Structure formats: structure tokens, C-alpha cells
Amino acid sequence: MLNWSRDSADATEVSKTDLKDRPDLLSALMKNPGPFYQTPQGPFWPMKTPLDTEAYLGALEGVQVWEVKGLIDFDALFEAGAELLGQTP
């Protein structure tokens, strides 16, 4: 989950997180499907329909989630990703 900022003074950091403990990160992932989902009755999903946080958490159960925070630094993110994958950058 990209939670970094160009205005941050902190170094880029990648850390494993659990969305059940960090529901604030779900807003970056939860999106209304709008015209990409049509109900079985025919109409499209209304834009103001509330999203189901518990459904997202259930669907993502068992999925590893990593939060990237601090300064936007693609090189640091690449290095962290390579380390997580056991690769040498």
C-alpha cells in the first residue's frame, strides 16, 4: 500500500502490516465499481453505495500487505522489494 508523500522528511520505509489493524489503509484500495459492475437486476452500482469494509477484509484475509511510507523514493522501494524477494539489486 503506497502511503508515502513527497512532502515527508522521513526516509522511505517498507513494513509488513495487517489491514485489520490498519483500516485507514483500506481507503486506498476500496473503490466503487461504478459503471464496471451491473447488478443482476440490470442497473449499475450506484456511486453513493457504501462500501463494505468487512467484505474487503474477508477477501484479503491471508494476503500479505506491505505499507510503503515516508518520502517518495523509487530507488529505495526497488531495493526494499529486491530484499524482500531475496534478490540483489
PDB file of N, CA and C in Angstrom:
ATOM      1  N   MET A   1       0.849  -1.150   0.000  1.00  0.00           N
ATOM      2  CA  MET A   1       0.000   0.000   0.000  1.00  0.00           C
ATOM      3  C   MET A   1       0.903   1.222   0.000  1.00  0.00           C
ATOM      4  N   LEU A   2       0.784   2.040  -1.018  1.00  0.00           N
ATOM      5  CA  LEU A   2       1.586   3.257  -1.084  1.00  0.00           C
ATOM      6  C   LEU A   2       0.975   4.314  -0.173  1.00  0.00           C
ATOM      7  N   ASN A   3       1.711   4.649   0.850  1.00  0.00           N
ATOM      8  CA  ASN A   3       1.273   5.633   1.833  1.00  0.00           C
ATOM      9  C   ASN A   3       2.395   6.653   2.027  1.00  0.00           C
ATOM     10  N   TRP A   4       3.129   6.892   0.955  1.00  0.00           N
ATOM     11  CA  TRP A   4       4.258   7.801   1.029  1.00  0.00           C
ATOM     12  C   TRP A   4       3.862   9.183   0.576  1.00  0.00           C
ATOM     13  N   SER A   5       4.763  10.153   0.770  1.00  0.00           N
ATOM     14  CA  SER A   5       4.422  11.540   0.447  1.00  0.00           C
ATOM     15  C   SER A   5       5.662  12.292  -0.007  1.00  0.00           C
ATOM     16  N   ARG A   6       5.500  13.095  -1.027  1.00  0.00           N
ATOM     17  CA  ARG A   6       6.642  13.895  -1.494  1.00  0.00           C
ATOM     18  C   ARG A   6       7.028  14.957  -0.477  1.00  0.00           C
ATOM     19  N   ASP A   7       6.138  15.261   0.458  1.00  0.00           N
ATOM     20  CA  ASP A   7       6.414  16.272   1.475  1.00  0.00           C
ATOM     21  C   ASP A   7       7.021  15.680   2.748  1.00  0.00           C
ATOM     22  N   SER A   8       7.198  14.355   2.795  1.00  0.00           N
ATOM     23  CA  SER A   8       7.704  13.710   4.002  1.00  0.00           C
ATOM     24  C   SER A   8       9.189  13.999   4.191  1.00  0.00           C
ATOM     25  N   ALA A   9       9.596  14.120   5.429  1.00  0.00           N
ATOM     26  CA  ALA A   9      11.012  14.265   5.770  1.00  0.00           C
ATOM     27  C   ALA A   9      11.602  12.930   6.190  1.00  0.00           C
ATOM     28  N   ASP A  10      10.755  11.900   6.306  1.00  0.00           N
ATOM     29  CA  ASP A  10      11.202  10.578   6.739  1.00  0.00           C
ATOM     30  C   ASP A  10      11.704   9.760   5.557  1.00  0.00           C
ATOM     31  N   ALA A  11      12.668   8.897   5.825  1.00  0.00           N
ATOM     32  CA  ALA A  11      13.175   8.001   4.787  1.00  0.00           C
ATOM     33  C   ALA A  11      12.069   7.029   4.376  1.00  0.00           C
ATOM     34  N   THR A  12      12.141   6.548   3.159  1.00  0.00           N
ATOM     35  CA  THR A  12      11.183   5.562   2.674  1.00  0.00           C
ATOM     36  C   THR A  12      11.334   4.280   3.481  1.00  0.00           C
ATOM     37  N   GLU A  13      10.215   3.754   3.939  1.00  0.00           N
ATOM     38  CA  GLU A  13      10.220   2.556   4.772  1.00  0.00           C
ATOM     39  C   GLU A  13       9.149   1.605   4.261  1.00  0.00           C
ATOM     40  N   VAL A  14       9.488   0.331   4.191  1.00  0.00           N
ATOM     41  CA  VAL A  14       8.547  -0.713   3.783  1.00  0.00           C
ATOM     42  C   VAL A  14       8.380  -1.658   4.962  1.00  0.00           C
ATOM     43  N   SER A  15       7.143  -1.828   5.408  1.00  0.00           N
ATOM     44  CA  SER A  15       6.907  -2.702   6.555  1.00  0.00           C
ATOM     45  C   SER A  15       5.628  -3.512   6.347  1.00  0.00           C
ATOM     46  N   LYS A  16       5.677  -4.759   6.825  1.00  0.00           N
ATOM     47  CA  LYS A  16       4.516  -5.630   6.728  1.00  0.00           C
ATOM     48  C   LYS A  16       3.439  -5.107   7.676  1.00  0.00           C
ATOM     49  N   THR A  17       2.199  -5.151   7.228  1.00  0.00           N
ATOM     50  CA  THR A  17       1.108  -4.659   8.054  1.00  0.00           C
ATOM     51  C   THR A  17      -0.103  -5.573   7.907  1.00  0.00           C
ATOM     52  N   ASP A  18      -1.015  -5.455   8.820  1.00  0.00           N
ATOM     53  CA  ASP A  18      -2.259  -6.217   8.788  1.00  0.00           C
ATOM     54  C   ASP A  18      -3.396  -5.208   8.641  1.00  0.00           C
ATOM     55  N   LEU A  19      -4.176  -5.350   7.591  1.00  0.00           N
ATOM     56  CA  LEU A  19      -5.252  -4.388   7.346  1.00  0.00           C
ATOM     57  C   LEU A  19      -6.296  -4.382   8.456  1.00  0.00           C
ATOM     58  N   LYS A  20      -6.421  -5.479   9.196  1.00  0.00           N
ATOM     59  CA  LYS A  20      -7.356  -5.482  10.324  1.00  0.00           C
ATOM     60  C   LYS A  20      -6.902  -4.502  11.397  1.00  0.00           C
ATOM     61  N   ASP A  21      -5.581  -4.315  11.500  1.00  0.00           N
ATOM     62  CA  ASP A  21      -5.031  -3.352  12.459  1.00  0.00           C
ATOM     63  C   ASP A  21      -4.890  -1.961  11.870  1.00  0.00           C
ATOM     64  N   ARG A  22      -4.962  -1.848  10.534  1.00  0.00           N
ATOM     65  CA  ARG A  22      -4.779  -0.564   9.859  1.00  0.00           C
ATOM     66  C   ARG A  22      -5.905  -0.302   8.853  1.00  0.00           C
ATOM     67  N   PRO A  23      -7.141  -0.204   9.348  1.00  0.00           N
ATOM     68  CA  PRO A  23      -8.256   0.023   8.425  1.00  0.00           C
ATOM     69  C   PRO A  23      -8.144   1.354   7.671  1.00  0.00           C
ATOM     70  N   ASP A  24      -7.326   2.279   8.177  1.00  0.00           N
ATOM     71  CA  ASP A  24      -7.135   3.544   7.484  1.00  0.00           C
ATOM     72  C   ASP A  24      -6.502   3.343   6.104  1.00  0.00           C
ATOM     73  N   LEU A  25      -5.769   2.252   5.919  1.00  0.00           N
ATOM     74  CA  LEU A  25      -5.147   1.981   4.621  1.00  0.00           C
ATOM     75  C   LEU A  25      -6.140   1.449   3.595  1.00  0.00           C
ATOM     76  N   LEU A  26      -7.275   0.936   4.061  1.00  0.00           N
ATOM     77  CA  LEU A  26      -8.259   0.377   3.136  1.00  0.00           C
ATOM     78  C   LEU A  26      -8.816   1.411   2.160  1.00  0.00           C
ATOM     79  N   SER A  27      -8.853   2.658   2.571  1.00  0.00           N
ATOM     80  CA  SER A  27      -9.419   3.683   1.685  1.00  0.00           C
ATOM     81  C   SER A  27      -8.623   3.816   0.388  1.00  0.00           C
ATOM     82  N   ALA A  28      -7.344   3.437   0.409  1.00  0.00           N
ATOM     83  CA  ALA A  28      -6.538   3.477  -0.811  1.00  0.00           C
ATOM     84  C   ALA A  28      -6.906   2.345  -1.760  1.00  0.00           C
ATOM     85  N   LEU A  29      -7.553   1.332  -1.230  1.00  0.00           N
ATOM     86  CA  LEU A  29      -7.888   0.143  -2.007  1.00  0.00           C
ATOM     87  C   LEU A  29      -9.364   0.063  -2.373  1.00  0.00           C
ATOM     88  N   MET A  30     -10.213   0.509  -1.471  1.00  0.00           N
ATOM     89  CA  MET A  30     -11.659   0.374  -1.672  1.00  0.00           C
ATOM     90  C   MET A  30     -12.154   1.431  -2.660  1.00  0.00           C
ATOM     91  N   LYS A  31     -12.749   0.972  -3.722  1.00  0.00           N
ATOM     92  CA  LYS A  31     -13.281   1.884  -4.739  1.00  0.00           C
ATOM     93  C   LYS A  31     -14.648   1.389  -5.187  1.00  0.00           C
ATOM     94  N   ASN A  32     -15.528   2.307  -5.490  1.00  0.00           N
ATOM     95  CA  ASN A  32     -16.839   1.964  -6.017  1.00  0.00           C
ATOM     96  C   ASN A  32     -16.655   1.497  -7.459  1.00  0.00           C
ATOM     97  N   PRO A  33     -17.237   0.356  -7.849  1.00  0.00           N
ATOM     98  CA  PRO A  33     -17.046  -0.144  -9.207  1.00  0.00           C
ATOM     99  C   PRO A  33     -17.783   0.664 -10.264  1.00  0.00           C
ATOM    100  N   GLY A  34     -18.753   1.482  -9.845  1.00  0.00           N
ATOM    101  CA  GLY A  34     -19.470   2.357 -10.783  1.00  0.00           C
ATOM    102  C   GLY A  34     -19.932   1.632 -12.029  1.00  0.00           C
ATOM    103  N   PRO A  35     -19.544   2.099 -13.219  1.00  0.00           N
ATOM    104  CA  PRO A  35     -20.038   1.502 -14.460  1.00  0.00           C
ATOM    105  C   PRO A  35     -19.410   0.143 -14.782  1.00  0.00           C
ATOM    106  N   PHE A  36     -18.509  -0.335 -13.917  1.00  0.00           N
ATOM    107  CA  PHE A  36     -17.859  -1.618 -14.175  1.00  0.00           C
ATOM    108  C   PHE A  36     -18.574  -2.784 -13.503  1.00  0.00           C
ATOM    109  N   TYR A  37     -19.662  -2.507 -12.795  1.00  0.00           N
ATOM    110  CA  TYR A  37     -20.438  -3.581 -12.178  1.00  0.00           C
ATOM    111  C   TYR A  37     -21.918  -3.312 -12.384  1.00  0.00           C
ATOM    112  N   GLN A  38     -22.581  -4.270 -12.970  1.00  0.00           N
ATOM    113  CA  GLN A  38     -24.016  -4.173 -13.187  1.00  0.00           C
ATOM    114  C   GLN A  38     -24.694  -5.220 -12.312  1.00  0.00           C
ATOM    115  N   THR A  39     -25.695  -4.813 -11.550  1.00  0.00           N
ATOM    116  CA  THR A  39     -26.394  -5.745 -10.659  1.00  0.00           C
ATOM    117  C   THR A  39     -27.175  -6.760 -11.495  1.00  0.00           C
ATOM    118  N   PRO A  40     -27.514  -7.906 -10.908  1.00  0.00           N
ATOM    119  CA  PRO A  40     -28.300  -8.904 -11.650  1.00  0.00           C
ATOM    120  C   PRO A  40     -29.648  -8.360 -12.131  1.00  0.00           C
ATOM    121  N   GLN A  41     -30.164  -7.319 -11.454  1.00  0.00           N
ATOM    122  CA  GLN A  41     -31.448  -6.737 -11.852  1.00  0.00           C
ATOM    123  C   GLN A  41     -31.298  -5.772 -13.034  1.00  0.00           C
ATOM    124  N   GLY A  42     -30.073  -5.404 -13.399  1.00  0.00           N
ATOM    125  CA  GLY A  42     -29.873  -4.547 -14.558  1.00  0.00           C
ATOM    126  C   GLY A  42     -29.178  -3.227 -14.305  1.00  0.00           C
ATOM    127  N   PRO A  43     -29.533  -2.482 -13.228  1.00  0.00           N
ATOM    128  CA  PRO A  43     -28.879  -1.179 -13.058  1.00  0.00           C
ATOM    129  C   PRO A  43     -27.420  -1.329 -12.621  1.00  0.00           C
ATOM    130  N   PHE A  44     -26.667  -0.282 -12.911  1.00  0.00           N
ATOM    131  CA  PHE A  44     -25.281  -0.250 -12.473  1.00  0.00           C
ATOM    132  C   PHE A  44     -25.216   0.119 -10.999  1.00  0.00           C
ATOM    133  N   TRP A  45     -24.120  -0.226 -10.361  1.00  0.00           N
ATOM    134  CA  TRP A  45     -23.903   0.050  -8.940  1.00  0.00           C
ATOM    135  C   TRP A  45     -23.966   1.560  -8.719  1.00  0.00           C
ATOM    136  N   PRO A  46     -24.854   2.039  -7.861  1.00  0.00           N
ATOM    137  CA  PRO A  46     -24.947   3.486  -7.611  1.00  0.00           C
ATOM    138  C   PRO A  46     -23.654   4.021  -6.984  1.00  0.00           C
ATOM    139  N   MET A  47     -23.208   5.174  -7.425  1.00  0.00           N
ATOM    140  CA  MET A  47     -21.942   5.750  -6.956  1.00  0.00           C
ATOM    141  C   MET A  47     -21.938   6.035  -5.459  1.00  0.00           C
ATOM    142  N   LYS A  48     -23.074   6.261  -4.870  1.00  0.00           N
ATOM    143  CA  LYS A  48     -23.125   6.614  -3.445  1.00  0.00           C
ATOM    144  C   LYS A  48     -23.366   5.408  -2.545  1.00  0.00           C
ATOM    145  N   THR A  49     -23.307   4.195  -3.104  1.00  0.00           N
ATOM    146  CA  THR A  49     -23.495   2.989  -2.302  1.00  0.00           C
ATOM    147  C   THR A  49     -22.316   2.841  -1.347  1.00  0.00           C
ATOM    148  N   PRO A  50     -22.576   2.666  -0.049  1.00  0.00           N
ATOM    149  CA  PRO A  50     -21.465   2.488   0.898  1.00  0.00           C
ATOM    150  C   PRO A  50     -20.697   1.198   0.601  1.00  0.00           C
ATOM    151  N   LEU A  51     -19.402   1.251   0.789  1.00  0.00           N
ATOM    152  CA  LEU A  51     -18.570   0.079   0.561  1.00  0.00           C
ATOM    153  C   LEU A  51     -18.473  -0.735   1.846  1.00  0.00           C
ATOM    154  N   ASP A  52     -18.352  -2.040   1.714  1.00  0.00           N
ATOM    155  CA  ASP A  52     -18.361  -2.965   2.843  1.00  0.00           C
ATOM    156  C   ASP A  52     -16.934  -3.299   3.268  1.00  0.00           C
ATOM    157  N   THR A  53     -16.471  -2.651   4.330  1.00  0.00           N
ATOM    158  CA  THR A  53     -15.117  -2.861   4.832  1.00  0.00           C
ATOM    159  C   THR A  53     -14.883  -4.315   5.198  1.00  0.00           C
ATOM    160  N   GLU A  54     -15.845  -4.928   5.852  1.00  0.00           N
ATOM    161  CA  GLU A  54     -15.688  -6.325   6.278  1.00  0.00           C
ATOM    162  C   GLU A  54     -15.543  -7.257   5.075  1.00  0.00           C
ATOM    163  N   ALA A  55     -16.231  -6.971   3.989  1.00  0.00           N
ATOM    164  CA  ALA A  55     -16.108  -7.797   2.785  1.00  0.00           C
ATOM    165  C   ALA A  55     -14.689  -7.693   2.215  1.00  0.00           C
ATOM    166  N   TYR A  56     -14.132  -6.490   2.207  1.00  0.00           N
ATOM    167  CA  TYR A  56     -12.754  -6.313   1.734  1.00  0.00           C
ATOM    168  C   TYR A  56     -11.786  -7.064   2.637  1.00  0.00           C
ATOM    169  N   LEU A  57     -11.947  -6.921   3.958  1.00  0.00           N
ATOM    170  CA  LEU A  57     -11.058  -7.613   4.892  1.00  0.00           C
ATOM    171  C   LEU A  57     -11.160  -9.124   4.722  1.00  0.00           C
ATOM    172  N   GLY A  58     -12.362  -9.631   4.510  1.00  0.00           N
ATOM    173  CA  GLY A  58     -12.544 -11.061   4.293  1.00  0.00           C
ATOM    174  C   GLY A  58     -11.874 -11.533   3.009  1.00  0.00           C
ATOM    175  N   ALA A  59     -12.028 -10.755   1.953  1.00  0.00           N
ATOM    176  CA  ALA A  59     -11.431 -11.119   0.664  1.00  0.00           C
ATOM    177  C   ALA A  59      -9.910 -11.073   0.710  1.00  0.00           C
ATOM    178  N   LEU A  60      -9.370 -10.209   1.556  1.00  0.00           N
ATOM    179  CA  LEU A  60      -7.920 -10.049   1.637  1.00  0.00           C
ATOM    180  C   LEU A  60      -7.276 -10.871   2.753  1.00  0.00           C
ATOM    181  N   GLU A  61      -8.087 -11.640   3.459  1.00  0.00           N
ATOM    182  CA  GLU A  61      -7.550 -12.459   4.542  1.00  0.00           C
ATOM    183  C   GLU A  61      -6.495 -13.421   3.984  1.00  0.00           C
ATOM    184  N   GLY A  62      -5.351 -13.456   4.632  1.00  0.00           N
ATOM    185  CA  GLY A  62      -4.260 -14.318   4.191  1.00  0.00           C
ATOM    186  C   GLY A  62      -3.350 -13.691   3.158  1.00  0.00           C
ATOM    187  N   VAL A  63      -3.680 -12.500   2.686  1.00  0.00           N
ATOM    188  CA  VAL A  63      -2.849 -11.806   1.707  1.00  0.00           C
ATOM    189  C   VAL A  63      -1.841 -10.936   2.455  1.00  0.00           C
ATOM    190  N   GLN A  64      -0.569 -11.070   2.112  1.00  0.00           N
ATOM    191  CA  GLN A  64       0.447 -10.225   2.734  1.00  0.00           C
ATOM    192  C   GLN A  64       0.291  -8.801   2.224  1.00  0.00           C
ATOM    193  N   VAL A  65       0.318  -7.852   3.159  1.00  0.00           N
ATOM    194  CA  VAL A  65       0.199  -6.442   2.794  1.00  0.00           C
ATOM    195  C   VAL A  65       1.419  -5.712   3.340  1.00  0.00           C
ATOM    196  N   TRP A  66       2.019  -4.923   2.495  1.00  0.00           N
ATOM    197  CA  TRP A  66       3.198  -4.145   2.878  1.00  0.00           C
ATOM    198  C   TRP A  66       2.873  -2.674   2.695  1.00  0.00           C
ATOM    199  N   GLU A  67       3.195  -1.884   3.697  1.00  0.00           N
ATOM    200  CA  GLU A  67       2.964  -0.445   3.633  1.00  0.00           C
ATOM    201  C   GLU A  67       4.274   0.250   3.286  1.00  0.00           C
ATOM    202  N   VAL A  68       4.201   1.155   2.328  1.00  0.00           N
ATOM    203  CA  VAL A  68       5.348   1.983   1.960  1.00  0.00           C
ATOM    204  C   VAL A  68       5.039   3.390   2.448  1.00  0.00           C
ATOM    205  N   LYS A  69       5.886   3.888   3.348  1.00  0.00           N
ATOM    206  CA  LYS A  69       5.642   5.233   3.888  1.00  0.00           C
ATOM    207  C   LYS A  69       6.934   6.024   3.900  1.00  0.00           C
ATOM    208  N   GLY A  70       6.805   7.307   4.161  1.00  0.00           N
ATOM    209  CA  GLY A  70       7.958   8.195   4.144  1.00  0.00           C
ATOM    210  C   GLY A  70       8.021   8.944   2.823  1.00  0.00           C
ATOM    211  N   LEU A  71       9.225   9.311   2.452  1.00  0.00           N
ATOM    212  CA  LEU A  71       9.478  10.079   1.230  1.00  0.00           C
ATOM    213  C   LEU A  71       9.285   9.202  -0.010  1.00  0.00           C
ATOM    214  N   ILE A  72       8.781   9.762  -1.087  1.00  0.00           N
ATOM    215  CA  ILE A  72       8.677   9.034  -2.352  1.00  0.00           C
ATOM    216  C   ILE A  72      10.087   8.843  -2.895  1.00  0.00           C
ATOM    217  N   ASP A  73      10.521   7.586  -2.943  1.00  0.00           N
ATOM    218  CA  ASP A  73      11.868   7.254  -3.390  1.00  0.00           C
ATOM    219  C   ASP A  73      11.799   5.896  -4.078  1.00  0.00           C
ATOM    220  N   PHE A  74      11.724   5.914  -5.406  1.00  0.00           N
ATOM    221  CA  PHE A  74      11.565   4.675  -6.157  1.00  0.00           C
ATOM    222  C   PHE A  74      12.779   3.765  -6.029  1.00  0.00           C
ATOM    223  N   ASP A  75      13.972   4.350  -5.930  1.00  0.00           N
ATOM    224  CA  ASP A  75      15.168   3.527  -5.764  1.00  0.00           C
ATOM    225  C   ASP A  75      15.122   2.770  -4.435  1.00  0.00           C
ATOM    226  N   ALA A  76      14.734   3.457  -3.367  1.00  0.00           N
ATOM    227  CA  ALA A  76      14.629   2.807  -2.057  1.00  0.00           C
ATOM    228  C   ALA A  76      13.558   1.725  -2.087  1.00  0.00           C
ATOM    229  N   LEU A  77      12.452   1.975  -2.773  1.00  0.00           N
ATOM    230  CA  LEU A  77      11.389   0.976  -2.876  1.00  0.00           C
ATOM    231  C   LEU A  77      11.877  -0.237  -3.668  1.00  0.00           C
ATOM    232  N   PHE A  78      12.609   0.004  -4.737  1.00  0.00           N
ATOM    233  CA  PHE A  78      13.165  -1.096  -5.530  1.00  0.00           C
ATOM    234  C   PHE A  78      14.096  -1.949  -4.673  1.00  0.00           C
ATOM    235  N   GLU A  79      14.963  -1.305  -3.922  1.00  0.00           N
ATOM    236  CA  GLU A  79      15.905  -2.035  -3.066  1.00  0.00           C
ATOM    237  C   GLU A  79      15.169  -2.841  -1.994  1.00  0.00           C
ATOM    238  N   ALA A  80      14.160  -2.243  -1.381  1.00  0.00           N
ATOM    239  CA  ALA A  80      13.381  -2.957  -0.360  1.00  0.00           C
ATOM    240  C   ALA A  80      12.658  -4.149  -0.979  1.00  0.00           C
ATOM    241  N   GLY A  81      12.090  -3.964  -2.156  1.00  0.00           N
ATOM    242  CA  GLY A  81      11.404  -5.056  -2.840  1.00  0.00           C
ATOM    243  C   GLY A  81      12.358  -6.176  -3.218  1.00  0.00           C
ATOM    244  N   ALA A  82      13.529  -5.821  -3.712  1.00  0.00           N
ATOM    245  CA  ALA A  82      14.524  -6.830  -4.064  1.00  0.00           C
ATOM    246  C   ALA A  82      14.951  -7.612  -2.828  1.00  0.00           C
ATOM    247  N   GLU A  83      15.118  -6.924  -1.708  1.00  0.00           N
ATOM    248  CA  GLU A  83      15.491  -7.594  -0.461  1.00  0.00           C
ATOM    249  C   GLU A  83      14.389  -8.546  -0.013  1.00  0.00           C
ATOM    250  N   LEU A  84      13.130  -8.089  -0.093  1.00  0.00           N
ATOM    251  CA  LEU A  84      12.009  -8.947   0.303  1.00  0.00           C
ATOM    252  C   LEU A  84      11.926 -10.200  -0.568  1.00  0.00           C
ATOM    253  N   LEU A  85      12.306 -10.077  -1.822  1.00  0.00           N
ATOM    254  CA  LEU A  85      12.243 -11.205  -2.752  1.00  0.00           C
ATOM    255  C   LEU A  85      13.528 -12.029  -2.754  1.00  0.00           C
ATOM    256  N   GLY A  86      14.493 -11.634  -1.908  1.00  0.00           N
ATOM    257  CA  GLY A  86      15.744 -12.372  -1.826  1.00  0.00           C
ATOM    258  C   GLY A  86      16.648 -12.165  -3.016  1.00  0.00           C
ATOM    259  N   GLN A  87      16.500 -11.028  -3.662  1.00  0.00           N
ATOM    260  CA  GLN A  87      17.306 -10.697  -4.846  1.00  0.00           C
ATOM    261  C   GLN A  87      18.311  -9.617  -4.474  1.00  0.00           C
ATOM    262  N   THR A  88      19.401  -9.565  -5.196  1.00  0.00           N
ATOM    263  CA  THR A  88      20.376  -8.498  -5.005  1.00  0.00           C
ATOM    264  C   THR A  88      20.118  -7.444  -6.063  1.00  0.00           C
ATOM    265  N   PRO A  89      19.857  -6.202  -5.627  1.00  0.00           N
ATOM    266  CA  PRO A  89      19.594  -5.155  -6.637  1.00  0.00           C
ATOM    267  C   PRO A  89      20.836  -4.811  -7.429  1.00  0.00           C
TER     268      PRO A  89
END
